[in-house]
Amino acid sequence: MNLTYAYIFLALAIVLEITGTSFVKDTEGFTRWIPSIICLVTICVSYYLMSHVVGFVPVGITYATWSGLGIAAITIIGIFKYNQIPNFPTLIGLALIIVGVIIINT
């Protein structure tokens, strides 16, 4: 694997983490089977991919990118899926997270 593949794996890990996290509320405390399986499998595969990424990208950068973009994406999903509208301070915080991820990666 090289750095390009590491970032491709990181992108896939982020997408899978977002998918899994977006199903957490639907699991209803892991009492509903389908959302629970989707949640567990996608998050496990996400961590598996991240375990390969950290061999090429520093762990701090990997985790900051993974979690920062995941937080922003889950907030957007929450708006559309659960009608959870963030307040102004939340939007400022999300903007700072995104700017931080951009700074870390450049």
N, C-alpha and C. Protein backbone atom coordinates (compact mmCIF):
# COMPACT_ATOMS: atom_id res chain seq x y z
N MET A 1 0.85 -1.17 0.00
CA MET A 1 0.00 0.00 0.00
C MET A 1 0.90 1.24 0.00
N ASN A 2 0.44 2.27 -0.66
CA ASN A 2 1.15 3.54 -0.64
C ASN A 2 0.23 4.61 -0.05
N LEU A 3 0.72 5.86 -0.04
CA LEU A 3 -0.03 6.95 0.58
C LEU A 3 -1.37 7.20 -0.11
N THR A 4 -1.40 7.04 -1.44
CA THR A 4 -2.66 7.24 -2.17
C THR A 4 -3.70 6.23 -1.72
N TYR A 5 -3.31 4.96 -1.65
CA TYR A 5 -4.25 3.94 -1.19
C TYR A 5 -4.64 4.15 0.28
N ALA A 6 -3.72 4.66 1.08
CA ALA A 6 -4.03 4.94 2.48
C ALA A 6 -5.16 5.96 2.57
N TYR A 7 -5.09 7.01 1.75
CA TYR A 7 -6.15 8.02 1.79
C TYR A 7 -7.45 7.49 1.18
N ILE A 8 -7.37 6.59 0.23
CA ILE A 8 -8.58 5.96 -0.30
C ILE A 8 -9.22 5.10 0.80
N PHE A 9 -8.39 4.33 1.51
CA PHE A 9 -8.90 3.53 2.63
C PHE A 9 -9.49 4.42 3.70
N LEU A 10 -8.85 5.57 3.97
CA LEU A 10 -9.37 6.50 4.96
C LEU A 10 -10.73 7.04 4.53
N ALA A 11 -10.87 7.37 3.27
CA ALA A 11 -12.17 7.86 2.76
C ALA A 11 -13.24 6.78 2.92
N LEU A 12 -12.90 5.54 2.59
CA LEU A 12 -13.87 4.44 2.76
C LEU A 12 -14.20 4.23 4.23
N ALA A 13 -13.18 4.34 5.09
CA ALA A 13 -13.42 4.19 6.53
C ALA A 13 -14.36 5.27 7.03
N ILE A 14 -14.19 6.48 6.54
CA ILE A 14 -15.07 7.59 6.95
C ILE A 14 -16.50 7.33 6.49
N VAL A 15 -16.66 6.91 5.25
CA VAL A 15 -18.00 6.63 4.73
C VAL A 15 -18.66 5.52 5.54
N LEU A 16 -17.93 4.47 5.86
CA LEU A 16 -18.49 3.38 6.64
C LEU A 16 -18.81 3.81 8.07
N GLU A 17 -17.97 4.63 8.65
CA GLU A 17 -18.23 5.13 10.01
C GLU A 17 -19.48 5.99 10.02
N ILE A 18 -19.63 6.82 9.02
CA ILE A 18 -20.83 7.67 8.91
C ILE A 18 -22.07 6.79 8.74
N THR A 19 -21.96 5.78 7.91
CA THR A 19 -23.09 4.86 7.71
C THR A 19 -23.47 4.18 9.02
N GLY A 20 -22.48 3.63 9.70
CA GLY A 20 -22.76 2.94 10.96
C GLY A 20 -23.33 3.86 12.02
N THR A 21 -22.74 5.02 12.16
CA THR A 21 -23.20 5.96 13.18
C THR A 21 -24.61 6.47 12.87
N SER A 22 -24.92 6.61 11.59
CA SER A 22 -26.26 7.08 11.24
C SER A 22 -27.35 6.06 11.57
N PHE A 23 -26.97 4.82 11.82
CA PHE A 23 -27.94 3.79 12.19
C PHE A 23 -28.02 3.55 13.69
N VAL A 24 -27.17 4.20 14.48
CA VAL A 24 -27.16 3.94 15.93
C VAL A 24 -28.53 4.22 16.56
N LYS A 25 -29.13 5.34 16.24
CA LYS A 25 -30.43 5.67 16.82
C LYS A 25 -31.50 4.68 16.38
N ASP A 26 -31.40 4.19 15.16
CA ASP A 26 -32.39 3.24 14.63
C ASP A 26 -32.30 1.86 15.31
N THR A 27 -31.18 1.57 15.97
CA THR A 27 -31.04 0.27 16.63
C THR A 27 -31.92 0.15 17.86
N GLU A 28 -32.36 1.31 18.39
CA GLU A 28 -33.18 1.34 19.61
C GLU A 28 -32.54 0.51 20.72
N GLY A 29 -31.29 0.86 21.04
CA GLY A 29 -30.58 0.14 22.09
C GLY A 29 -30.14 -1.24 21.67
N PHE A 30 -29.89 -1.42 20.39
CA PHE A 30 -29.50 -2.70 19.80
C PHE A 30 -30.56 -3.78 20.02
N THR A 31 -31.81 -3.36 19.96
CA THR A 31 -32.92 -4.32 20.06
C THR A 31 -33.51 -4.61 18.68
N ARG A 32 -33.18 -3.81 17.68
CA ARG A 32 -33.64 -4.06 16.31
C ARG A 32 -32.47 -4.65 15.53
N TRP A 33 -32.69 -5.82 14.94
CA TRP A 33 -31.61 -6.59 14.34
C TRP A 33 -30.96 -5.94 13.13
N ILE A 34 -31.73 -5.53 12.14
CA ILE A 34 -31.16 -5.04 10.89
C ILE A 34 -30.30 -3.79 11.11
N PRO A 35 -30.83 -2.74 11.76
CA PRO A 35 -29.98 -1.57 11.98
C PRO A 35 -28.77 -1.90 12.86
N SER A 36 -28.94 -2.82 13.81
CA SER A 36 -27.83 -3.20 14.69
C SER A 36 -26.71 -3.87 13.90
N ILE A 37 -27.07 -4.77 13.00
CA ILE A 37 -26.07 -5.46 12.19
C ILE A 37 -25.36 -4.48 11.27
N ILE A 38 -26.14 -3.60 10.63
CA ILE A 38 -25.54 -2.60 9.75
C ILE A 38 -24.56 -1.74 10.55
N CYS A 39 -24.98 -1.29 11.70
CA CYS A 39 -24.15 -0.45 12.55
C CYS A 39 -22.85 -1.17 12.93
N LEU A 40 -22.95 -2.36 13.45
CA LEU A 40 -21.78 -3.09 13.91
C LEU A 40 -20.82 -3.45 12.77
N VAL A 41 -21.35 -3.93 11.67
CA VAL A 41 -20.49 -4.35 10.56
C VAL A 41 -19.76 -3.15 9.96
N THR A 42 -20.48 -2.07 9.70
CA THR A 42 -19.83 -0.92 9.06
C THR A 42 -18.78 -0.28 9.96
N ILE A 43 -19.05 -0.20 11.25
CA ILE A 43 -18.06 0.39 12.15
C ILE A 43 -16.85 -0.53 12.30
N CYS A 44 -17.07 -1.84 12.36
CA CYS A 44 -15.94 -2.78 12.44
C CYS A 44 -15.06 -2.71 11.20
N VAL A 45 -15.68 -2.68 10.03
CA VAL A 45 -14.91 -2.59 8.78
C VAL A 45 -14.19 -1.24 8.72
N SER A 46 -14.84 -0.19 9.22
CA SER A 46 -14.20 1.12 9.25
C SER A 46 -12.92 1.09 10.09
N TYR A 47 -12.99 0.50 11.26
CA TYR A 47 -11.79 0.38 12.09
C TYR A 47 -10.73 -0.52 11.44
N TYR A 48 -11.16 -1.55 10.77
CA TYR A 48 -10.22 -2.42 10.06
C TYR A 48 -9.44 -1.61 9.02
N LEU A 49 -10.17 -0.81 8.23
CA LEU A 49 -9.51 0.01 7.22
C LEU A 49 -8.58 1.03 7.87
N MET A 50 -9.03 1.62 8.97
CA MET A 50 -8.18 2.60 9.66
C MET A 50 -6.91 1.96 10.19
N SER A 51 -6.98 0.70 10.58
CA SER A 51 -5.78 0.03 11.09
C SER A 51 -4.70 -0.08 10.02
N HIS A 52 -5.12 -0.10 8.76
CA HIS A 52 -4.15 -0.12 7.67
C HIS A 52 -3.66 1.29 7.34
N VAL A 53 -4.53 2.27 7.49
CA VAL A 53 -4.19 3.66 7.17
C VAL A 53 -3.08 4.16 8.09
N VAL A 54 -3.16 3.83 9.38
CA VAL A 54 -2.20 4.38 10.33
C VAL A 54 -0.77 3.90 10.10
N GLY A 55 -0.58 2.93 9.23
CA GLY A 55 0.77 2.54 8.85
C GLY A 55 1.42 3.54 7.91
N PHE A 56 0.63 4.41 7.30
CA PHE A 56 1.14 5.37 6.32
C PHE A 56 0.84 6.82 6.66
N VAL A 57 -0.22 7.04 7.40
CA VAL A 57 -0.61 8.40 7.80
C VAL A 57 -0.54 8.44 9.33
N PRO A 58 0.06 9.47 9.91
CA PRO A 58 0.14 9.53 11.37
C PRO A 58 -1.23 9.36 12.03
N VAL A 59 -1.25 8.67 13.15
CA VAL A 59 -2.51 8.32 13.81
C VAL A 59 -3.31 9.56 14.20
N GLY A 60 -2.66 10.63 14.59
CA GLY A 60 -3.38 11.85 14.96
C GLY A 60 -4.11 12.46 13.77
N ILE A 61 -3.44 12.49 12.63
CA ILE A 61 -4.06 13.03 11.42
C ILE A 61 -5.18 12.11 10.95
N THR A 62 -4.95 10.82 11.03
CA THR A 62 -5.97 9.85 10.63
C THR A 62 -7.22 10.01 11.47
N TYR A 63 -7.05 10.03 12.78
CA TYR A 63 -8.21 10.09 13.66
C TYR A 63 -8.89 11.45 13.59
N ALA A 64 -8.12 12.53 13.48
CA ALA A 64 -8.73 13.86 13.38
C ALA A 64 -9.58 13.97 12.12
N THR A 65 -9.08 13.44 11.02
CA THR A 65 -9.82 13.48 9.77
C THR A 65 -11.07 12.61 9.87
N TRP A 66 -10.91 11.40 10.36
CA TRP A 66 -12.00 10.44 10.48
C TRP A 66 -13.11 10.98 11.38
N SER A 67 -12.73 11.46 12.54
CA SER A 67 -13.76 11.92 13.47
C SER A 67 -14.34 13.27 13.08
N GLY A 68 -13.51 14.18 12.61
CA GLY A 68 -13.99 15.51 12.23
C GLY A 68 -14.99 15.47 11.08
N LEU A 69 -14.64 14.75 10.04
CA LEU A 69 -15.57 14.65 8.91
C LEU A 69 -16.80 13.83 9.28
N GLY A 70 -16.61 12.84 10.14
CA GLY A 70 -17.75 12.06 10.62
C GLY A 70 -18.73 12.91 11.40
N ILE A 71 -18.21 13.77 12.29
CA ILE A 71 -19.08 14.65 13.08
C ILE A 71 -19.88 15.57 12.16
N ALA A 72 -19.20 16.17 11.20
CA ALA A 72 -19.89 17.09 10.28
C ALA A 72 -20.96 16.36 9.47
N ALA A 73 -20.62 15.19 8.96
CA ALA A 73 -21.56 14.44 8.14
C ALA A 73 -22.76 13.95 8.95
N ILE A 74 -22.51 13.48 10.17
CA ILE A 74 -23.61 13.00 11.01
C ILE A 74 -24.54 14.15 11.39
N THR A 75 -23.99 15.33 11.56
CA THR A 75 -24.84 16.49 11.84
C THR A 75 -25.76 16.77 10.66
N ILE A 76 -25.22 16.68 9.45
CA ILE A 76 -26.03 16.90 8.25
C ILE A 76 -27.09 15.80 8.12
N ILE A 77 -26.70 14.56 8.38
CA ILE A 77 -27.67 13.46 8.33
C ILE A 77 -28.76 13.66 9.37
N GLY A 78 -28.37 14.12 10.56
CA GLY A 78 -29.35 14.38 11.62
C GLY A 78 -30.38 15.43 11.22
N ILE A 79 -29.95 16.40 10.44
CA ILE A 79 -30.87 17.44 9.96
C ILE A 79 -31.95 16.81 9.08
N PHE A 80 -31.53 15.99 8.14
CA PHE A 80 -32.48 15.43 7.18
C PHE A 80 -33.23 14.20 7.70
N LYS A 81 -32.54 13.33 8.44
CA LYS A 81 -33.16 12.07 8.87
C LYS A 81 -34.01 12.23 10.13
N TYR A 82 -33.56 13.08 11.06
CA TYR A 82 -34.25 13.19 12.34
C TYR A 82 -34.78 14.60 12.63
N ASN A 83 -34.65 15.49 11.66
CA ASN A 83 -35.11 16.87 11.81
C ASN A 83 -34.49 17.55 13.03
N GLN A 84 -33.18 17.27 13.26
CA GLN A 84 -32.44 17.86 14.38
C GLN A 84 -31.65 19.05 13.85
N ILE A 85 -32.19 20.22 14.04
CA ILE A 85 -31.58 21.44 13.50
C ILE A 85 -30.54 21.96 14.49
N PRO A 86 -29.28 22.08 14.08
CA PRO A 86 -28.25 22.59 14.99
C PRO A 86 -28.42 24.09 15.23
N ASN A 87 -28.03 24.54 16.42
CA ASN A 87 -28.10 25.97 16.73
C ASN A 87 -26.84 26.67 16.20
N PHE A 88 -26.81 27.98 16.33
CA PHE A 88 -25.71 28.76 15.77
C PHE A 88 -24.34 28.40 16.35
N PRO A 89 -24.20 28.26 17.68
CA PRO A 89 -22.89 27.85 18.21
C PRO A 89 -22.43 26.49 17.67
N THR A 90 -23.38 25.58 17.46
CA THR A 90 -23.02 24.28 16.88
C THR A 90 -22.48 24.44 15.47
N LEU A 91 -23.10 25.29 14.68
CA LEU A 91 -22.63 25.53 13.32
C LEU A 91 -21.23 26.14 13.32
N ILE A 92 -20.98 27.06 14.24
CA ILE A 92 -19.63 27.64 14.35
C ILE A 92 -18.62 26.56 14.72
N GLY A 93 -18.98 25.72 15.68
CA GLY A 93 -18.09 24.63 16.08
C GLY A 93 -17.80 23.67 14.93
N LEU A 94 -18.82 23.34 14.17
CA LEU A 94 -18.63 22.45 13.02
C LEU A 94 -17.74 23.09 11.97
N ALA A 95 -17.92 24.38 11.74
CA ALA A 95 -17.06 25.08 10.78
C ALA A 95 -15.61 25.04 11.25
N LEU A 96 -15.38 25.22 12.55
CA LEU A 96 -14.02 25.17 13.08
C LEU A 96 -13.42 23.77 12.95
N ILE A 97 -14.25 22.75 13.15
CA ILE A 97 -13.78 21.37 12.99
C ILE A 97 -13.34 21.14 11.54
N ILE A 98 -14.16 21.56 10.61
CA ILE A 98 -13.84 21.36 9.19
C ILE A 98 -12.57 22.12 8.81
N VAL A 99 -12.46 23.36 9.28
CA VAL A 99 -11.25 24.14 9.01
C VAL A 99 -10.04 23.45 9.63
N GLY A 100 -10.20 22.91 10.83
CA GLY A 100 -9.10 22.18 11.48
C GLY A 100 -8.66 20.96 10.68
N VAL A 101 -9.62 20.21 10.17
CA VAL A 101 -9.28 19.03 9.36
C VAL A 101 -8.53 19.46 8.10
N ILE A 102 -8.97 20.55 7.48
CA ILE A 102 -8.29 21.04 6.28
C ILE A 102 -6.87 21.46 6.62
N ILE A 103 -6.69 22.17 7.72
CA ILE A 103 -5.35 22.62 8.12
C ILE A 103 -4.45 21.44 8.42
N ILE A 104 -4.96 20.46 9.16
CA ILE A 104 -4.17 19.28 9.50
C ILE A 104 -3.69 18.53 8.26
N ASN A 105 -4.57 18.44 7.26
CA ASN A 105 -4.23 17.67 6.06
C ASN A 105 -3.42 18.45 5.03
N THR A 106 -3.27 19.74 5.23
CA THR A 106 -2.44 20.51 4.29
C THR A 106 -1.19 20.95 5.00
